[in-house]
């Protein structure tokens, strides 16, 4: 799930990426905004969800996916759109406009 916070005085948006599934013990955010390098998402015990906050430039869009337990790829079902990734599947897209 995605949530967005826009700043009036900055040309960036704070995006919170969230993923929850009971059988998952590790989630990494893999995205073009960090050169497709894994970003570990922290588990919030109270909310029972993995979270990562990232600040991104406004008026742009970025592809991403979640890597679960080092083996399974998953999209964000609340993404702004989906684009083919050349591997026979799709990437999630977050838009900052």
PDB file of N, CA and C in Angstrom:
ATOM      1  N   UNK A   1       0.848  -1.174   0.000  1.00  0.00           N
ATOM      2  CA  UNK A   1       0.000   0.000   0.000  1.00  0.00           C
ATOM      3  C   UNK A   1       0.894   1.237   0.000  1.00  0.00           C
ATOM      4  N   UNK A   2       0.464   2.234  -0.689  1.00  0.00           N
ATOM      5  CA  UNK A   2       1.207   3.490  -0.780  1.00  0.00           C
ATOM      6  C   UNK A   2       0.448   4.606  -0.088  1.00  0.00           C
ATOM      7  N   UNK A   3       1.189   5.467   0.580  1.00  0.00           N
ATOM      8  CA  UNK A   3       0.603   6.722   1.043  1.00  0.00           C
ATOM      9  C   UNK A   3       1.597   7.823   0.705  1.00  0.00           C
ATOM     10  N   UNK A   4       1.068   9.010   0.425  1.00  0.00           N
ATOM     11  CA  UNK A   4       1.891  10.114  -0.052  1.00  0.00           C
ATOM     12  C   UNK A   4       1.659  11.355   0.787  1.00  0.00           C
ATOM     13  N   UNK A   5       2.739  12.073   1.024  1.00  0.00           N
ATOM     14  CA  UNK A   5       2.666  13.343   1.733  1.00  0.00           C
ATOM     15  C   UNK A   5       3.428  14.364   0.900  1.00  0.00           C
ATOM     16  N   UNK A   6       2.719  15.416   0.484  1.00  0.00           N
ATOM     17  CA  UNK A   6       3.336  16.457  -0.339  1.00  0.00           C
ATOM     18  C   UNK A   6       3.645  17.679   0.522  1.00  0.00           C
ATOM     19  N   UNK A   7       4.777  18.286   0.262  1.00  0.00           N
ATOM     20  CA  UNK A   7       5.218  19.455   1.012  1.00  0.00           C
ATOM     21  C   UNK A   7       5.006  20.708   0.172  1.00  0.00           C
ATOM     22  N   UNK A   8       4.474  21.762   0.777  1.00  0.00           N
ATOM     23  CA  UNK A   8       4.237  23.013   0.048  1.00  0.00           C
ATOM     24  C   UNK A   8       5.527  23.764  -0.245  1.00  0.00           C
ATOM     25  N   UNK A   9       6.521  23.601   0.621  1.00  0.00           N
ATOM     26  CA  UNK A   9       7.756  24.382   0.480  1.00  0.00           C
ATOM     27  C   UNK A   9       8.917  23.590  -0.116  1.00  0.00           C
ATOM     28  N   UNK A  10       8.693  22.327  -0.470  1.00  0.00           N
ATOM     29  CA  UNK A  10       9.757  21.491  -1.029  1.00  0.00           C
ATOM     30  C   UNK A  10       9.282  20.847  -2.318  1.00  0.00           C
ATOM     31  N   UNK A  11      10.217  20.602  -3.191  1.00  0.00           N
ATOM     32  CA  UNK A  11       9.905  19.964  -4.470  1.00  0.00           C
ATOM     33  C   UNK A  11      10.073  18.453  -4.366  1.00  0.00           C
ATOM     34  N   UNK A  12       9.551  17.902  -3.281  1.00  0.00           N
ATOM     35  CA  UNK A  12       9.615  16.471  -3.080  1.00  0.00           C
ATOM     36  C   UNK A  12       8.369  15.994  -2.347  1.00  0.00           C
ATOM     37  N   UNK A  13       8.174  14.688  -2.413  1.00  0.00           N
ATOM     38  CA  UNK A  13       7.054  14.058  -1.716  1.00  0.00           C
ATOM     39  C   UNK A  13       7.602  12.916  -0.875  1.00  0.00           C
ATOM     40  N   UNK A  14       6.978  12.711   0.283  1.00  0.00           N
ATOM     41  CA  UNK A  14       7.351  11.578   1.123  1.00  0.00           C
ATOM     42  C   UNK A  14       6.392  10.435   0.831  1.00  0.00           C
ATOM     43  N   UNK A  15       6.947   9.340   0.362  1.00  0.00           N
ATOM     44  CA  UNK A  15       6.146   8.176   0.012  1.00  0.00           C
ATOM     45  C   UNK A  15       6.385   7.092   1.062  1.00  0.00           C
ATOM     46  N   UNK A  16       5.308   6.567   1.605  1.00  0.00           N
ATOM     47  CA  UNK A  16       5.404   5.456   2.540  1.00  0.00           C
ATOM     48  C   UNK A  16       4.944   4.194   1.820  1.00  0.00           C
ATOM     49  N   UNK A  17       5.850   3.243   1.719  1.00  0.00           N
ATOM     50  CA  UNK A  17       5.564   1.950   1.110  1.00  0.00           C
ATOM     51  C   UNK A  17       5.239   0.982   2.245  1.00  0.00           C
ATOM     52  N   UNK A  18       4.166   0.228   2.109  1.00  0.00           N
ATOM     53  CA  UNK A  18       3.766  -0.733   3.129  1.00  0.00           C
ATOM     54  C   UNK A  18       3.410  -2.063   2.476  1.00  0.00           C
ATOM     55  N   UNK A  19       3.799  -3.139   3.154  1.00  0.00           N
ATOM     56  CA  UNK A  19       3.438  -4.469   2.665  1.00  0.00           C
ATOM     57  C   UNK A  19       3.158  -5.367   3.862  1.00  0.00           C
ATOM     58  N   UNK A  20       2.060  -6.111   3.804  1.00  0.00           N
ATOM     59  CA  UNK A  20       1.689  -7.008   4.889  1.00  0.00           C
ATOM     60  C   UNK A  20       1.189  -8.333   4.324  1.00  0.00           C
ATOM     61  N   UNK A  21       1.747  -9.387   4.859  1.00  0.00           N
ATOM     62  CA  UNK A  21       1.271 -10.742   4.581  1.00  0.00           C
ATOM     63  C   UNK A  21       1.820 -11.627   5.687  1.00  0.00           C
ATOM     64  N   UNK A  22       0.991 -12.449   6.284  1.00  0.00           N
ATOM     65  CA  UNK A  22       1.359 -13.201   7.483  1.00  0.00           C
ATOM     66  C   UNK A  22       2.527 -14.160   7.291  1.00  0.00           C
ATOM     67  N   UNK A  23       2.683 -14.718   6.103  1.00  0.00           N
ATOM     68  CA  UNK A  23       3.734 -15.716   5.886  1.00  0.00           C
ATOM     69  C   UNK A  23       5.084 -15.113   5.488  1.00  0.00           C
ATOM     70  N   UNK A  24       5.192 -13.799   5.486  1.00  0.00           N
ATOM     71  CA  UNK A  24       6.417 -13.123   5.055  1.00  0.00           C
ATOM     72  C   UNK A  24       7.217 -12.666   6.270  1.00  0.00           C
ATOM     73  N   UNK A  25       8.521 -12.937   6.240  1.00  0.00           N
ATOM     74  CA  UNK A  25       9.400 -12.525   7.344  1.00  0.00           C
ATOM     75  C   UNK A  25      10.402 -11.452   6.936  1.00  0.00           C
ATOM     76  N   UNK A  26      10.526 -11.198   5.636  1.00  0.00           N
ATOM     77  CA  UNK A  26      11.473 -10.194   5.141  1.00  0.00           C
ATOM     78  C   UNK A  26      10.917  -9.576   3.868  1.00  0.00           C
ATOM     79  N   UNK A  27      10.935  -8.233   3.804  1.00  0.00           N
ATOM     80  CA  UNK A  27      10.482  -7.522   2.608  1.00  0.00           C
ATOM     81  C   UNK A  27      11.529  -6.478   2.243  1.00  0.00           C
ATOM     82  N   UNK A  28      11.878  -6.443   0.955  1.00  0.00           N
ATOM     83  CA  UNK A  28      12.792  -5.427   0.448  1.00  0.00           C
ATOM     84  C   UNK A  28      12.102  -4.666  -0.679  1.00  0.00           C
ATOM     85  N   UNK A  29      12.308  -3.364  -0.690  1.00  0.00           N
ATOM     86  CA  UNK A  29      11.790  -2.503  -1.745  1.00  0.00           C
ATOM     87  C   UNK A  29      12.879  -2.380  -2.804  1.00  0.00           C
ATOM     88  N   UNK A  30      12.549  -2.785  -4.020  1.00  0.00           N
ATOM     89  CA  UNK A  30      13.488  -2.712  -5.139  1.00  0.00           C
ATOM     90  C   UNK A  30      12.891  -1.704  -6.121  1.00  0.00           C
ATOM     91  N   UNK A  31      13.632  -0.619  -6.409  1.00  0.00           N
ATOM     92  CA  UNK A  31      13.039   0.457  -7.208  1.00  0.00           C
ATOM     93  C   UNK A  31      14.071   1.156  -8.084  1.00  0.00           C
ATOM     94  N   UNK A  32      13.557   1.788  -9.125  1.00  0.00           N
ATOM     95  CA  UNK A  32      14.468   2.508 -10.006  1.00  0.00           C
ATOM     96  C   UNK A  32      15.045   3.748  -9.344  1.00  0.00           C
ATOM     97  N   UNK A  33      14.361   4.317  -8.343  1.00  0.00           N
ATOM     98  CA  UNK A  33      14.883   5.524  -7.695  1.00  0.00           C
ATOM     99  C   UNK A  33      16.115   5.234  -6.839  1.00  0.00           C
ATOM    100  N   UNK A  34      16.399   3.955  -6.552  1.00  0.00           N
ATOM    101  CA  UNK A  34      17.634   3.619  -5.841  1.00  0.00           C
ATOM    102  C   UNK A  34      18.474   2.630  -6.663  1.00  0.00           C
ATOM    103  N   UNK A  35      18.398   2.774  -7.990  1.00  0.00           N
ATOM    104  CA  UNK A  35      19.166   1.948  -8.935  1.00  0.00           C
ATOM    105  C   UNK A  35      18.899   0.451  -8.760  1.00  0.00           C
ATOM    106  N   UNK A  36      17.671   0.102  -8.397  1.00  0.00           N
ATOM    107  CA  UNK A  36      17.219  -1.284  -8.268  1.00  0.00           C
ATOM    108  C   UNK A  36      18.004  -2.059  -7.206  1.00  0.00           C
ATOM    109  N   UNK A  37      18.523  -1.358  -6.220  1.00  0.00           N
ATOM    110  CA  UNK A  37      19.221  -2.005  -5.110  1.00  0.00           C
ATOM    111  C   UNK A  37      18.216  -2.237  -3.976  1.00  0.00           C
ATOM    112  N   UNK A  38      18.290  -3.380  -3.318  1.00  0.00           N
ATOM    113  CA  UNK A  38      17.331  -3.691  -2.248  1.00  0.00           C
ATOM    114  C   UNK A  38      17.402  -2.698  -1.081  1.00  0.00           C
ATOM    115  N   UNK A  39      16.237  -2.243  -0.660  1.00  0.00           N
ATOM    116  CA  UNK A  39      16.094  -1.398   0.514  1.00  0.00           C
ATOM    117  C   UNK A  39      15.241  -2.171   1.519  1.00  0.00           C
ATOM    118  N   UNK A  40      15.849  -2.540   2.642  1.00  0.00           N
ATOM    119  CA  UNK A  40      15.132  -3.323   3.649  1.00  0.00           C
ATOM    120  C   UNK A  40      13.983  -2.516   4.234  1.00  0.00           C
ATOM    121  N   UNK A  41      12.835  -3.138   4.317  1.00  0.00           N
ATOM    122  CA  UNK A  41      11.668  -2.510   4.936  1.00  0.00           C
ATOM    123  C   UNK A  41      11.579  -2.997   6.373  1.00  0.00           C
ATOM    124  N   UNK A  42      11.290  -2.070   7.288  1.00  0.00           N
ATOM    125  CA  UNK A  42      11.234  -2.407   8.714  1.00  0.00           C
ATOM    126  C   UNK A  42       9.846  -2.917   9.092  1.00  0.00           C
ATOM    127  N   UNK A  43       9.833  -3.932   9.946  1.00  0.00           N
ATOM    128  CA  UNK A  43       8.565  -4.501  10.390  1.00  0.00           C
ATOM    129  C   UNK A  43       8.036  -3.725  11.583  1.00  0.00           C
ATOM    130  N   UNK A  44       6.798  -3.262  11.467  1.00  0.00           N
ATOM    131  CA  UNK A  44       6.124  -2.566  12.549  1.00  0.00           C
ATOM    132  C   UNK A  44       5.237  -3.602  13.253  1.00  0.00           C
ATOM    133  N   UNK A  45       5.650  -4.002  14.462  1.00  0.00           N
ATOM    134  CA  UNK A  45       4.938  -5.067  15.183  1.00  0.00           C
ATOM    135  C   UNK A  45       3.502  -4.694  15.509  1.00  0.00           C
ATOM    136  N   UNK A  46       3.292  -3.439  15.887  1.00  0.00           N
ATOM    137  CA  UNK A  46       1.944  -3.005  16.274  1.00  0.00           C
ATOM    138  C   UNK A  46       0.980  -3.082  15.090  1.00  0.00           C
ATOM    139  N   UNK A  47       1.417  -2.570  13.947  1.00  0.00           N
ATOM    140  CA  UNK A  47       0.562  -2.568  12.759  1.00  0.00           C
ATOM    141  C   UNK A  47       0.659  -3.868  11.962  1.00  0.00           C
ATOM    142  N   UNK A  48       1.649  -4.701  12.292  1.00  0.00           N
ATOM    143  CA  UNK A  48       1.892  -5.957  11.577  1.00  0.00           C
ATOM    144  C   UNK A  48       2.087  -5.723  10.084  1.00  0.00           C
ATOM    145  N   UNK A  49       2.979  -4.760   9.774  1.00  0.00           N
ATOM    146  CA  UNK A  49       3.232  -4.385   8.390  1.00  0.00           C
ATOM    147  C   UNK A  49       4.698  -3.984   8.239  1.00  0.00           C
ATOM    148  N   UNK A  50       5.257  -4.262   7.066  1.00  0.00           N
ATOM    149  CA  UNK A  50       6.594  -3.796   6.729  1.00  0.00           C
ATOM    150  C   UNK A  50       6.459  -2.404   6.116  1.00  0.00           C
ATOM    151  N   UNK A  51       7.363  -1.479   6.515  1.00  0.00           N
ATOM    152  CA  UNK A  51       7.268  -0.096   6.030  1.00  0.00           C
ATOM    153  C   UNK A  51       8.624   0.458   5.621  1.00  0.00           C
ATOM    154  N   UNK A  52       8.575   1.359   4.647  1.00  0.00           N
ATOM    155  CA  UNK A  52       9.749   2.136   4.253  1.00  0.00           C
ATOM    156  C   UNK A  52       9.258   3.504   3.786  1.00  0.00           C
ATOM    157  N   UNK A  53       9.924   4.559   4.263  1.00  0.00           N
ATOM    158  CA  UNK A  53       9.603   5.920   3.821  1.00  0.00           C
ATOM    159  C   UNK A  53      10.747   6.442   2.973  1.00  0.00           C
ATOM    160  N   UNK A  54      10.358   7.046   1.846  1.00  0.00           N
ATOM    161  CA  UNK A  54      11.338   7.563   0.902  1.00  0.00           C
ATOM    162  C   UNK A  54      10.869   8.927   0.408  1.00  0.00           C
ATOM    163  N   UNK A  55      11.798   9.858   0.279  1.00  0.00           N
ATOM    164  CA  UNK A  55      11.464  11.156  -0.320  1.00  0.00           C
ATOM    165  C   UNK A  55      11.882  11.131  -1.784  1.00  0.00           C
ATOM    166  N   UNK A  56      10.922  11.501  -2.637  1.00  0.00           N
ATOM    167  CA  UNK A  56      11.140  11.469  -4.083  1.00  0.00           C
ATOM    168  C   UNK A  56      10.800  12.821  -4.694  1.00  0.00           C
ATOM    169  N   UNK A  57      11.432  13.159  -5.817  1.00  0.00           N
ATOM    170  CA  UNK A  57      11.114  14.421  -6.486  1.00  0.00           C
ATOM    171  C   UNK A  57       9.656  14.469  -6.933  1.00  0.00           C
ATOM    172  N   UNK A  58       9.062  15.652  -6.838  1.00  0.00           N
ATOM    173  CA  UNK A  58       7.686  15.845  -7.317  1.00  0.00           C
ATOM    174  C   UNK A  58       7.631  15.769  -8.837  1.00  0.00           C
ATOM    175  N   UNK A  59       6.438  15.532  -9.341  1.00  0.00           N
ATOM    176  CA  UNK A  59       6.140  15.533 -10.773  1.00  0.00           C
ATOM    177  C   UNK A  59       6.930  14.493 -11.547  1.00  0.00           C
ATOM    178  N   UNK A  60       6.982  13.298 -11.007  1.00  0.00           N
ATOM    179  CA  UNK A  60       7.705  12.215 -11.661  1.00  0.00           C
ATOM    180  C   UNK A  60       6.994  10.897 -11.355  1.00  0.00           C
ATOM    181  N   UNK A  61       7.472   9.824 -11.941  1.00  0.00           N
ATOM    182  CA  UNK A  61       6.947   8.500 -11.630  1.00  0.00           C
ATOM    183  C   UNK A  61       8.115   7.528 -11.567  1.00  0.00           C
ATOM    184  N   UNK A  62       7.954   6.491 -10.739  1.00  0.00           N
ATOM    185  CA  UNK A  62       9.033   5.557 -10.469  1.00  0.00           C
ATOM    186  C   UNK A  62       8.484   4.134 -10.397  1.00  0.00           C
ATOM    187  N   UNK A  63       9.187   3.206 -11.041  1.00  0.00           N
ATOM    188  CA  UNK A  63       8.806   1.798 -11.003  1.00  0.00           C
ATOM    189  C   UNK A  63       9.428   1.136  -9.783  1.00  0.00           C
ATOM    190  N   UNK A  64       8.720   0.138  -9.248  1.00  0.00           N
ATOM    191  CA  UNK A  64       9.223  -0.590  -8.088  1.00  0.00           C
ATOM    192  C   UNK A  64       8.521  -1.931  -7.951  1.00  0.00           C
ATOM    193  N   UNK A  65       9.113  -2.792  -7.121  1.00  0.00           N
ATOM    194  CA  UNK A  65       8.509  -4.076  -6.733  1.00  0.00           C
ATOM    195  C   UNK A  65       8.977  -4.418  -5.330  1.00  0.00           C
ATOM    196  N   UNK A  66       8.295  -5.367  -4.716  1.00  0.00           N
ATOM    197  CA  UNK A  66       8.698  -5.882  -3.419  1.00  0.00           C
ATOM    198  C   UNK A  66       9.310  -7.271  -3.612  1.00  0.00           C
ATOM    199  N   UNK A  67      10.415  -7.536  -2.903  1.00  0.00           N
ATOM    200  CA  UNK A  67      11.015  -8.866  -2.889  1.00  0.00           C
ATOM    201  C   UNK A  67      10.753  -9.467  -1.515  1.00  0.00           C
ATOM    202  N   UNK A  68      10.038 -10.590  -1.496  1.00  0.00           N
ATOM    203  CA  UNK A  68       9.615 -11.226  -0.247  1.00  0.00           C
ATOM    204  C   UNK A  68      10.485 -12.440   0.060  1.00  0.00           C
ATOM    205  N   UNK A  69      11.020 -12.475   1.270  1.00  0.00           N
ATOM    206  CA  UNK A  69      11.809 -13.619   1.739  1.00  0.00           C
ATOM    207  C   UNK A  69      12.915 -14.027   0.757  1.00  0.00           C
ATOM    208  N   UNK A  70      13.463 -13.062   0.033  1.00  0.00           N
ATOM    209  CA  UNK A  70      14.558 -13.278  -0.933  1.00  0.00           C
ATOM    210  C   UNK A  70      14.182 -14.148  -2.126  1.00  0.00           C
ATOM    211  N   UNK A  71      12.908 -14.504  -2.283  1.00  0.00           N
ATOM    212  CA  UNK A  71      12.561 -15.456  -3.348  1.00  0.00           C
ATOM    213  C   UNK A  71      11.349 -15.075  -4.193  1.00  0.00           C
ATOM    214  N   UNK A  72      10.438 -14.286  -3.673  1.00  0.00           N
ATOM    215  CA  UNK A  72       9.162 -14.039  -4.347  1.00  0.00           C
ATOM    216  C   UNK A  72       8.981 -12.551  -4.649  1.00  0.00           C
ATOM    217  N   UNK A  73       8.595 -12.259  -5.877  1.00  0.00           N
ATOM    218  CA  UNK A  73       8.334 -10.875  -6.274  1.00  0.00           C
ATOM    219  C   UNK A  73       6.850 -10.569  -6.129  1.00  0.00           C
ATOM    220  N   UNK A  74       6.548  -9.347  -5.686  1.00  0.00           N
ATOM    221  CA  UNK A  74       5.148  -8.946  -5.508  1.00  0.00           C
ATOM    222  C   UNK A  74       5.000  -7.479  -5.881  1.00  0.00           C
ATOM    223  N   UNK A  75       3.845  -7.154  -6.450  1.00  0.00           N
ATOM    224  CA  UNK A  75       3.517  -5.763  -6.749  1.00  0.00           C
ATOM    225  C   UNK A  75       2.709  -5.156  -5.613  1.00  0.00           C
ATOM    226  N   UNK A  76       2.571  -3.858  -5.663  1.00  0.00           N
ATOM    227  CA  UNK A  76       1.741  -3.135  -4.704  1.00  0.00           C
ATOM    228  C   UNK A  76       0.356  -2.985  -5.318  1.00  0.00           C
ATOM    229  N   UNK A  77      -0.651  -3.524  -4.652  1.00  0.00           N
ATOM    230  CA  UNK A  77      -1.997  -3.515  -5.214  1.00  0.00           C
ATOM    231  C   UNK A  77      -2.664  -2.148  -5.152  1.00  0.00           C
ATOM    232  N   UNK A  78      -2.009  -1.185  -4.523  1.00  0.00           N
ATOM    233  CA  UNK A  78      -2.509   0.191  -4.496  1.00  0.00           C
ATOM    234  C   UNK A  78      -1.621   1.118  -5.328  1.00  0.00           C
ATOM    235  N   UNK A  79      -0.810   0.553  -6.210  1.00  0.00           N
ATOM    236  CA  UNK A  79       0.076   1.354  -7.057  1.00  0.00           C
ATOM    237  C   UNK A  79      -0.744   2.245  -7.986  1.00  0.00           C
ATOM    238  N   UNK A  80      -0.118   3.313  -8.442  1.00  0.00           N
ATOM    239  CA  UNK A  80      -0.800   4.249  -9.339  1.00  0.00           C
ATOM    240  C   UNK A  80      -1.001   3.670 -10.730  1.00  0.00           C
ATOM    241  N   UNK A  81      -0.103   2.795 -11.149  1.00  0.00           N
ATOM    242  CA  UNK A  81      -0.254   2.087 -12.415  1.00  0.00           C
ATOM    243  C   UNK A  81       0.744   0.934 -12.435  1.00  0.00           C
ATOM    244  N   UNK A  82       0.698   0.143 -13.499  1.00  0.00           N
ATOM    245  CA  UNK A  82       1.603  -0.984 -13.683  1.00  0.00           C
ATOM    246  C   UNK A  82       2.153  -0.924 -15.099  1.00  0.00           C
ATOM    247  N   UNK A  83       3.441  -1.272 -15.240  1.00  0.00           N
ATOM    248  CA  UNK A  83       4.081  -1.260 -16.546  1.00  0.00           C
ATOM    249  C   UNK A  83       4.810  -2.578 -16.777  1.00  0.00           C
ATOM    250  N   UNK A  84       4.786  -3.102 -18.018  1.00  0.00           N
ATOM    251  CA  UNK A  84       5.539  -4.324 -18.312  1.00  0.00           C
ATOM    252  C   UNK A  84       7.026  -4.102 -18.025  1.00  0.00           C
ATOM    253  N   UNK A  85       7.688  -5.141 -17.486  1.00  0.00           N
ATOM    254  CA  UNK A  85       9.091  -4.979 -17.115  1.00  0.00           C
ATOM    255  C   UNK A  85      10.069  -5.734 -18.003  1.00  0.00           C
ATOM    256  N   UNK A  86       9.625  -6.362 -19.052  1.00  0.00           N
ATOM    257  CA  UNK A  86      10.527  -7.081 -19.940  1.00  0.00           C
ATOM    258  C   UNK A  86      10.857  -8.489 -19.463  1.00  0.00           C
ATOM    259  N   UNK A  87      10.337  -8.894 -18.312  1.00  0.00           N
ATOM    260  CA  UNK A  87      10.570 -10.236 -17.774  1.00  0.00           C
ATOM    261  C   UNK A  87       9.289 -11.058 -17.777  1.00  0.00           C
ATOM    262  N   UNK A  88       8.294 -10.558 -18.499  1.00  0.00           N
ATOM    263  CA  UNK A  88       7.022 -11.268 -18.579  1.00  0.00           C
ATOM    264  C   UNK A  88       6.061 -10.933 -17.457  1.00  0.00           C
ATOM    265  N   UNK A  89       6.429  -9.984 -16.609  1.00  0.00           N
ATOM    266  CA  UNK A  89       5.547  -9.549 -15.530  1.00  0.00           C
ATOM    267  C   UNK A  89       5.454  -8.026 -15.571  1.00  0.00           C
ATOM    268  N   UNK A  90       4.905  -7.446 -14.534  1.00  0.00           N
ATOM    269  CA  UNK A  90       4.755  -5.990 -14.480  1.00  0.00           C
ATOM    270  C   UNK A  90       5.416  -5.436 -13.233  1.00  0.00           C
ATOM    271  N   UNK A  91       5.814  -4.166 -13.314  1.00  0.00           N
ATOM    272  CA  UNK A  91       6.297  -3.423 -12.159  1.00  0.00           C
ATOM    273  C   UNK A  91       5.192  -2.489 -11.683  1.00  0.00           C
ATOM    274  N   UNK A  92       5.175  -2.236 -10.399  1.00  0.00           N
ATOM    275  CA  UNK A  92       4.290  -1.199  -9.842  1.00  0.00           C
ATOM    276  C   UNK A  92       4.897   0.161 -10.149  1.00  0.00           C
ATOM    277  N   UNK A  93       4.043   1.173 -10.186  1.00  0.00           N
ATOM    278  CA  UNK A  93       4.511   2.545 -10.438  1.00  0.00           C
ATOM    279  C   UNK A  93       3.904   3.459  -9.374  1.00  0.00           C
ATOM    280  N   UNK A  94       4.747   4.323  -8.804  1.00  0.00           N
ATOM    281  CA  UNK A  94       4.270   5.375  -7.905  1.00  0.00           C
ATOM    282  C   UNK A  94       4.491   6.712  -8.610  1.00  0.00           C
ATOM    283  N   UNK A  95       3.470   7.543  -8.583  1.00  0.00           N
ATOM    284  CA  UNK A  95       3.537   8.862  -9.211  1.00  0.00           C
ATOM    285  C   UNK A  95       3.578   9.935  -8.135  1.00  0.00           C
ATOM    286  N   UNK A  96       4.387  10.957  -8.362  1.00  0.00           N
ATOM    287  CA  UNK A  96       4.524  12.031  -7.366  1.00  0.00           C
ATOM    288  C   UNK A  96       3.984  13.347  -7.918  1.00  0.00           C
ATOM    289  N   UNK A  97       2.818  13.271  -8.544  1.00  0.00           N
ATOM    290  CA  UNK A  97       2.151  14.501  -9.014  1.00  0.00           C
ATOM    291  C   UNK A  97       0.688  14.454  -8.676  1.00  0.00           C
TER     292      UNK A  97
END
